[in-house]
Each structure stands twice: as structure tokens, then as C-alpha cells.
Protein backbone atom coordinates (compact mmCIF):
# COMPACT_ATOMS: atom_id res chain seq x y z
CA MET A 1 -111.36 47.96 -146.51
CA LYS A 2 -112.47 51.18 -148.56
CA GLU A 3 -113.59 50.14 -151.97
CA ASN A 4 -112.53 53.31 -153.64
CA LYS A 5 -109.10 53.28 -151.90
CA VAL A 6 -108.46 49.72 -153.10
CA GLY A 7 -109.62 50.21 -156.33
CA LEU A 8 -107.51 53.44 -156.75
CA ILE A 9 -104.55 51.55 -155.54
CA VAL A 10 -104.73 48.35 -157.64
CA GLY A 11 -105.77 50.83 -160.79
CA LEU A 12 -102.44 52.91 -160.12
CA PHE A 13 -100.35 49.95 -159.87
CA LEU A 14 -101.57 48.20 -163.30
CA GLY A 15 -101.87 51.77 -164.96
CA GLY A 16 -98.18 52.73 -163.87
CA TRP A 17 -96.94 49.21 -164.80
CA HIS A 18 -98.13 49.93 -168.36
CA ALA A 19 -96.86 53.19 -168.22
CA PHE A 20 -93.61 51.96 -167.44
CA TRP A 21 -93.76 49.29 -170.29
CA SER A 22 -95.01 52.31 -172.67
CA LEU A 23 -91.59 54.30 -171.39
CA LEU A 24 -89.63 51.25 -172.13
CA ILE A 25 -91.20 51.16 -175.83
CA PHE A 26 -90.70 54.89 -176.13
CA ILE A 27 -86.85 54.55 -175.30
CA GLY A 28 -86.35 51.56 -177.40
CA LEU A 29 -85.62 49.10 -174.73
CA ALA A 30 -89.15 46.93 -174.55
CA GLN A 31 -87.80 44.50 -177.81
CA PRO A 32 -84.46 43.65 -176.18
CA LEU A 33 -86.30 43.18 -172.24
CA ILE A 34 -89.02 40.64 -173.62
CA ASP A 35 -86.44 38.97 -175.90
CA TRP A 36 -84.21 38.48 -172.52
CA ILE A 37 -87.47 37.29 -170.65
CA PHE A 38 -88.30 35.12 -173.12
CA TRP A 39 -84.76 33.60 -173.43
CA LEU A 40 -84.67 33.44 -169.45
CA HIS A 41 -87.83 30.99 -170.15
CA MET A 42 -85.95 29.12 -172.89
CA ILE A 43 -88.61 30.21 -175.27
CA THR A 44 -88.13 31.65 -178.64
CA PRO A 45 -89.09 35.01 -179.10
CA VAL A 46 -91.91 35.28 -181.47
CA TYR A 47 -93.27 38.64 -180.54
CA HIS A 48 -92.11 42.14 -181.97
CA VAL A 49 -92.76 45.33 -180.34
CA THR A 50 -94.22 48.05 -182.86
CA GLY A 51 -93.28 51.74 -182.73
CA PHE A 52 -94.29 53.97 -179.89
CA ASN A 53 -97.77 55.38 -180.54
CA ALA A 54 -98.94 57.94 -177.93
CA THR A 55 -102.66 57.27 -178.40
CA GLN A 56 -102.20 53.55 -177.97
CA ALA A 57 -100.01 54.19 -175.09
CA GLY A 58 -102.42 56.60 -173.24
CA LEU A 59 -105.27 53.97 -174.04
CA LEU A 60 -103.59 51.11 -172.82
CA ILE A 61 -102.80 52.88 -169.49
CA LEU A 62 -106.30 54.08 -169.14
CA VAL A 63 -107.61 50.65 -169.91
CA THR A 64 -105.46 49.13 -167.37
CA PHE A 65 -106.32 51.50 -165.02
CA GLY A 66 -109.90 51.04 -165.38
CA ILE A 67 -109.81 47.33 -165.32
CA GLY A 68 -107.52 47.65 -161.86
CA TYR A 69 -109.77 49.95 -160.12
CA LEU A 70 -112.77 47.68 -161.06
CA ALA A 71 -110.89 44.70 -159.85
CA GLY A 72 -109.79 46.15 -156.83
CA TYR A 73 -113.13 47.73 -155.96
CA LEU A 74 -114.93 44.37 -156.43
CA PHE A 75 -112.28 42.81 -154.36
CA ALA A 76 -112.88 44.81 -151.43
CA MET A 77 -116.57 44.94 -151.60
CA LEU A 78 -116.14 41.02 -151.57
CA TRP A 79 -113.92 40.75 -148.64
CA ASN A 80 -116.38 43.77 -146.81
CA SER A 81 -119.31 41.22 -147.27
CA LEU A 82 -117.64 38.34 -146.24
CA GLN A 83 -116.17 40.25 -143.08
CA LYS A 84 -119.97 41.36 -142.25
CA LYS A 85 -121.50 37.57 -142.62
CA ARG A 86 -118.40 36.09 -140.29
CA ARG A 87 -119.19 38.43 -137.28
């Protein structure tokens, strides 16, 4: 596996997921969605989604992309090192 490619894929997935969450906040659907998810799990909702903040949304997306990239990169590096030892 190419570490950079796996890192980018995982980073883009996590960053994209959080970009979608930010979009839901922006259009006002995040709170009803989280309330519905809690309801499905028979949990009383205790969390309240605050108003949209572009700076926070950008930071959320960048941080989750970075964490995803690092996790994917390290996973691929570990995978590759284990494959070399098997041969």
C-alpha cells in the first residue's frame, strides 16, 4: 500500500464526513438529525447543536482530515512492514 494514498483517502473520508456535518448545521438540519438518531437508540437527547461558525467548521474539517491522514498513513506503513516480515 502507498502510505500517502491511503492517508489521503482516509483523510478525505473523515474530512468530507465532517464537511457534510458542517453543511447540516449550516442548513439547520443537524439538531433534528441528532435528535432522531438518539430517539432511535432510545436515548434522551442531551446535546444541543450551536449556530454555524465558518471558522469552527473549517478547523473541524482540517483537524479531522489531518487525523484521518495520519491514521491512514500509519496503518499503511504498519501493513507494509508486516507484509515484508511475512515474506
